[in-house]
Amino acid sequence: RTRKGAHVPYRDSKLTRLLKDSLSGTSVAAMLCAVSPSSDQYEETLNTLKYANRAKQMTPPQVPQRQEGEHNPLQEQVAVLRELQGTLVHLAQGMTP
């Protein structure tokens, strides 16, 4: 049985920390809630449903999509060097009389 004054915000709860990876990012999560029709479990059931509703309304941060091609720094450096070489050739042609 829970104490009335011992409310734990959903962001600080142990369950949220356990589900941190599932509630954010690009993963898909399903949440099951155990509720009871018993009147003595009313408060616990209500808190469970409130937590599930807050978790459902959370919007995950946008994760940048990875590029399809591989990142090849060597090819990027070669492209930059070729561009610089073209610029130097162009400048050298402009300086000759």
N, C-alpha and C. Protein backbone atom coordinates (compact mmCIF):
# COMPACT_ATOMS: atom_id res chain seq x y z
N ARG A 1 0.85 -1.18 0.00
CA ARG A 1 0.00 0.00 0.00
C ARG A 1 0.89 1.24 0.00
N THR A 2 0.54 2.22 -0.80
CA THR A 2 1.36 3.42 -0.91
C THR A 2 0.94 4.47 0.11
N ARG A 3 1.92 5.29 0.46
CA ARG A 3 1.61 6.41 1.35
C ARG A 3 1.07 7.55 0.51
N LYS A 4 0.18 8.35 1.08
CA LYS A 4 -0.45 9.43 0.33
C LYS A 4 0.53 10.52 -0.06
N GLY A 5 1.46 10.89 0.78
CA GLY A 5 2.36 12.00 0.51
C GLY A 5 3.63 11.60 -0.22
N ALA A 6 3.79 10.35 -0.58
CA ALA A 6 5.03 9.88 -1.19
C ALA A 6 4.90 9.77 -2.71
N HIS A 7 4.57 10.88 -3.36
CA HIS A 7 4.44 10.87 -4.82
C HIS A 7 5.82 10.96 -5.46
N VAL A 8 6.08 10.07 -6.40
CA VAL A 8 7.36 10.08 -7.13
C VAL A 8 7.06 10.55 -8.54
N PRO A 9 7.65 11.67 -8.97
CA PRO A 9 7.41 12.11 -10.35
C PRO A 9 7.88 11.05 -11.34
N TYR A 10 7.19 10.96 -12.47
CA TYR A 10 7.49 9.88 -13.40
C TYR A 10 8.91 9.98 -13.95
N ARG A 11 9.50 11.14 -14.04
CA ARG A 11 10.86 11.27 -14.57
C ARG A 11 11.90 10.76 -13.58
N ASP A 12 11.56 10.75 -12.31
CA ASP A 12 12.51 10.30 -11.29
C ASP A 12 12.23 8.87 -10.82
N SER A 13 11.28 8.21 -11.42
CA SER A 13 10.94 6.88 -10.93
C SER A 13 11.90 5.82 -11.46
N LYS A 14 11.99 4.72 -10.77
CA LYS A 14 12.86 3.62 -11.17
C LYS A 14 12.40 3.01 -12.49
N LEU A 15 11.08 2.93 -12.67
CA LEU A 15 10.54 2.35 -13.89
C LEU A 15 10.94 3.19 -15.11
N THR A 16 10.89 4.51 -14.97
CA THR A 16 11.28 5.37 -16.09
C THR A 16 12.75 5.19 -16.41
N ARG A 17 13.59 5.06 -15.39
CA ARG A 17 15.01 4.84 -15.65
C ARG A 17 15.24 3.50 -16.35
N LEU A 18 14.46 2.49 -15.97
CA LEU A 18 14.60 1.18 -16.63
C LEU A 18 14.15 1.25 -18.09
N LEU A 19 13.12 2.02 -18.35
CA LEU A 19 12.56 2.11 -19.69
C LEU A 19 13.14 3.26 -20.51
N LYS A 20 14.19 3.91 -20.00
CA LYS A 20 14.74 5.11 -20.64
C LYS A 20 15.05 4.88 -22.12
N ASP A 21 15.70 3.78 -22.45
CA ASP A 21 16.06 3.51 -23.84
C ASP A 21 14.84 3.21 -24.70
N SER A 22 13.82 2.64 -24.10
CA SER A 22 12.62 2.29 -24.86
C SER A 22 11.70 3.49 -25.06
N LEU A 23 11.76 4.46 -24.18
CA LEU A 23 10.86 5.62 -24.27
C LEU A 23 11.44 6.74 -25.10
N SER A 24 12.66 6.62 -25.57
CA SER A 24 13.25 7.67 -26.38
C SER A 24 13.97 7.05 -27.56
N GLY A 25 14.30 7.90 -28.49
CA GLY A 25 15.04 7.41 -29.65
C GLY A 25 14.12 6.86 -30.71
N THR A 26 14.59 5.86 -31.42
CA THR A 26 13.82 5.32 -32.54
C THR A 26 13.20 3.97 -32.24
N SER A 27 13.27 3.53 -31.01
CA SER A 27 12.71 2.23 -30.68
C SER A 27 11.20 2.32 -30.50
N VAL A 28 10.55 1.18 -30.57
CA VAL A 28 9.11 1.09 -30.37
C VAL A 28 8.88 0.32 -29.08
N ALA A 29 8.00 0.84 -28.24
CA ALA A 29 7.75 0.20 -26.94
C ALA A 29 6.26 -0.03 -26.76
N ALA A 30 5.94 -1.06 -26.02
CA ALA A 30 4.56 -1.35 -25.63
C ALA A 30 4.52 -1.41 -24.12
N MET A 31 3.48 -0.84 -23.53
CA MET A 31 3.39 -0.84 -22.08
C MET A 31 2.11 -1.56 -21.67
N LEU A 32 2.24 -2.48 -20.75
CA LEU A 32 1.09 -3.17 -20.17
C LEU A 32 0.89 -2.65 -18.77
N CYS A 33 -0.34 -2.39 -18.42
CA CYS A 33 -0.66 -1.89 -17.09
C CYS A 33 -1.52 -2.90 -16.35
N ALA A 34 -1.12 -3.19 -15.14
CA ALA A 34 -1.91 -4.10 -14.30
C ALA A 34 -2.84 -3.25 -13.45
N VAL A 35 -4.12 -3.38 -13.68
CA VAL A 35 -5.12 -2.62 -12.93
C VAL A 35 -6.02 -3.60 -12.18
N SER A 36 -6.62 -3.09 -11.13
CA SER A 36 -7.48 -3.93 -10.30
C SER A 36 -8.86 -3.28 -10.14
N PRO A 37 -9.92 -4.06 -10.22
CA PRO A 37 -11.25 -3.49 -10.01
C PRO A 37 -11.59 -3.31 -8.53
N SER A 38 -10.70 -3.77 -7.67
CA SER A 38 -10.95 -3.70 -6.24
C SER A 38 -10.91 -2.25 -5.75
N SER A 39 -11.84 -1.91 -4.87
CA SER A 39 -11.91 -0.54 -4.37
C SER A 39 -10.73 -0.18 -3.48
N ASP A 40 -10.12 -1.16 -2.81
CA ASP A 40 -8.98 -0.83 -1.96
C ASP A 40 -7.70 -0.60 -2.79
N GLN A 41 -7.71 -0.95 -4.06
CA GLN A 41 -6.57 -0.71 -4.95
C GLN A 41 -6.83 0.45 -5.92
N TYR A 42 -7.85 1.24 -5.64
CA TYR A 42 -8.24 2.33 -6.52
C TYR A 42 -7.09 3.31 -6.74
N GLU A 43 -6.46 3.75 -5.69
CA GLU A 43 -5.39 4.75 -5.79
C GLU A 43 -4.20 4.21 -6.59
N GLU A 44 -3.83 2.97 -6.34
CA GLU A 44 -2.70 2.37 -7.07
C GLU A 44 -3.04 2.22 -8.56
N THR A 45 -4.26 1.80 -8.86
CA THR A 45 -4.68 1.66 -10.25
C THR A 45 -4.71 3.01 -10.95
N LEU A 46 -5.21 4.03 -10.27
CA LEU A 46 -5.26 5.36 -10.85
C LEU A 46 -3.86 5.88 -11.14
N ASN A 47 -2.92 5.70 -10.22
CA ASN A 47 -1.54 6.15 -10.43
C ASN A 47 -0.90 5.40 -11.59
N THR A 48 -1.18 4.12 -11.72
CA THR A 48 -0.64 3.34 -12.83
C THR A 48 -1.15 3.86 -14.16
N LEU A 49 -2.44 4.14 -14.23
CA LEU A 49 -3.02 4.66 -15.47
C LEU A 49 -2.52 6.07 -15.79
N LYS A 50 -2.32 6.88 -14.77
CA LYS A 50 -1.77 8.22 -14.99
C LYS A 50 -0.34 8.13 -15.53
N TYR A 51 0.45 7.23 -14.96
CA TYR A 51 1.82 7.04 -15.42
C TYR A 51 1.84 6.59 -16.88
N ALA A 52 0.99 5.63 -17.22
CA ALA A 52 0.94 5.13 -18.59
C ALA A 52 0.51 6.23 -19.56
N ASN A 53 -0.41 7.07 -19.14
CA ASN A 53 -0.86 8.17 -19.99
C ASN A 53 0.26 9.18 -20.20
N ARG A 54 1.00 9.52 -19.14
CA ARG A 54 2.14 10.45 -19.28
C ARG A 54 3.22 9.85 -20.17
N ALA A 55 3.49 8.56 -20.02
CA ALA A 55 4.51 7.92 -20.85
C ALA A 55 4.08 7.90 -22.31
N LYS A 56 2.80 7.73 -22.56
CA LYS A 56 2.29 7.71 -23.93
C LYS A 56 2.41 9.08 -24.58
N GLN A 57 2.25 10.14 -23.79
CA GLN A 57 2.29 11.50 -24.33
C GLN A 57 3.71 12.04 -24.51
N MET A 58 4.70 11.34 -23.98
CA MET A 58 6.07 11.80 -24.14
C MET A 58 6.47 11.68 -25.61
N THR A 59 7.10 12.72 -26.13
CA THR A 59 7.57 12.67 -27.51
C THR A 59 9.07 12.43 -27.48
N PRO A 60 9.53 11.43 -28.17
CA PRO A 60 10.96 11.15 -28.17
C PRO A 60 11.72 12.22 -28.92
N PRO A 61 12.95 12.47 -28.52
CA PRO A 61 13.75 13.47 -29.25
C PRO A 61 14.06 12.97 -30.65
N GLN A 62 14.17 13.91 -31.56
CA GLN A 62 14.47 13.55 -32.93
C GLN A 62 15.92 13.11 -33.04
N VAL A 63 16.12 11.91 -33.53
CA VAL A 63 17.46 11.37 -33.71
C VAL A 63 17.83 11.53 -35.17
N PRO A 64 18.96 12.17 -35.47
CA PRO A 64 19.32 12.32 -36.88
C PRO A 64 19.50 10.97 -37.56
N GLN A 65 19.01 10.88 -38.76
CA GLN A 65 19.13 9.63 -39.52
C GLN A 65 20.55 9.47 -40.02
N ARG A 66 21.03 8.26 -39.99
CA ARG A 66 22.37 7.98 -40.50
C ARG A 66 22.35 8.03 -42.03
N GLN A 67 23.47 8.44 -42.58
CA GLN A 67 23.57 8.50 -44.03
C GLN A 67 23.72 7.08 -44.56
N GLU A 68 23.22 6.87 -45.77
CA GLU A 68 23.27 5.55 -46.37
C GLU A 68 24.71 5.12 -46.66
N GLY A 69 25.49 6.04 -47.24
CA GLY A 69 26.86 5.70 -47.61
C GLY A 69 27.79 5.72 -46.40
N GLU A 70 28.91 5.04 -46.56
CA GLU A 70 29.89 5.04 -45.48
C GLU A 70 30.63 6.35 -45.45
N HIS A 71 31.06 6.73 -44.28
CA HIS A 71 31.86 7.94 -44.11
C HIS A 71 33.31 7.57 -44.38
N ASN A 72 33.88 8.17 -45.43
CA ASN A 72 35.26 7.87 -45.80
C ASN A 72 36.05 9.17 -45.79
N PRO A 73 36.75 9.44 -44.68
CA PRO A 73 37.47 10.72 -44.58
C PRO A 73 38.58 10.85 -45.62
N LEU A 74 39.16 9.75 -46.04
CA LEU A 74 40.23 9.81 -47.04
C LEU A 74 39.70 10.35 -48.36
N GLN A 75 38.54 9.87 -48.80
CA GLN A 75 37.95 10.36 -50.04
C GLN A 75 37.59 11.84 -49.93
N GLU A 76 37.13 12.26 -48.75
CA GLU A 76 36.79 13.67 -48.55
C GLU A 76 38.05 14.53 -48.65
N GLN A 77 39.15 14.08 -48.09
CA GLN A 77 40.40 14.83 -48.15
C GLN A 77 40.92 14.89 -49.58
N VAL A 78 40.80 13.80 -50.33
CA VAL A 78 41.23 13.79 -51.73
C VAL A 78 40.40 14.79 -52.53
N ALA A 79 39.10 14.86 -52.29
CA ALA A 79 38.24 15.80 -53.00
C ALA A 79 38.63 17.24 -52.68
N VAL A 80 38.92 17.52 -51.41
CA VAL A 80 39.35 18.87 -51.01
C VAL A 80 40.68 19.22 -51.68
N LEU A 81 41.62 18.28 -51.69
CA LEU A 81 42.92 18.53 -52.32
C LEU A 81 42.79 18.77 -53.81
N ARG A 82 41.93 18.04 -54.48
CA ARG A 82 41.71 18.25 -55.92
C ARG A 82 41.10 19.62 -56.18
N GLU A 83 40.19 20.03 -55.32
CA GLU A 83 39.59 21.36 -55.46
C GLU A 83 40.65 22.45 -55.25
N LEU A 84 41.49 22.28 -54.25
CA LEU A 84 42.57 23.25 -54.01
C LEU A 84 43.56 23.25 -55.18
N GLN A 85 43.85 22.10 -55.71
CA GLN A 85 44.76 22.00 -56.85
C GLN A 85 44.18 22.75 -58.05
N GLY A 86 42.90 22.59 -58.31
CA GLY A 86 42.25 23.31 -59.40
C GLY A 86 42.29 24.81 -59.19
N THR A 87 42.10 25.24 -57.95
CA THR A 87 42.18 26.66 -57.63
C THR A 87 43.58 27.20 -57.87
N LEU A 88 44.59 26.45 -57.45
CA LEU A 88 45.98 26.86 -57.66
C LEU A 88 46.32 26.95 -59.15
N VAL A 89 45.87 25.99 -59.92
CA VAL A 89 46.12 26.02 -61.37
C VAL A 89 45.45 27.24 -61.98
N HIS A 90 44.24 27.52 -61.57
CA HIS A 90 43.51 28.67 -62.09
C HIS A 90 44.24 29.97 -61.72
N LEU A 91 44.72 30.08 -60.50
CA LEU A 91 45.44 31.28 -60.06
C LEU A 91 46.77 31.39 -60.79
N ALA A 92 47.44 30.28 -60.99
CA ALA A 92 48.75 30.30 -61.67
C ALA A 92 48.57 30.74 -63.12
N GLN A 93 47.50 30.34 -63.77
CA GLN A 93 47.25 30.73 -65.15
C GLN A 93 46.95 32.23 -65.24
N GLY A 94 46.34 32.75 -64.24
CA GLY A 94 46.01 34.19 -64.21
C GLY A 94 47.24 35.05 -63.96
N MET A 95 48.31 34.52 -63.38
CA MET A 95 49.50 35.29 -63.07
C MET A 95 50.50 35.29 -64.23
N THR A 96 50.42 34.34 -65.13
CA THR A 96 51.39 34.28 -66.21
C THR A 96 51.07 35.35 -67.27
N PRO A 97 52.10 36.00 -67.82
CA PRO A 97 51.84 37.06 -68.79
C PRO A 97 51.48 36.56 -70.16
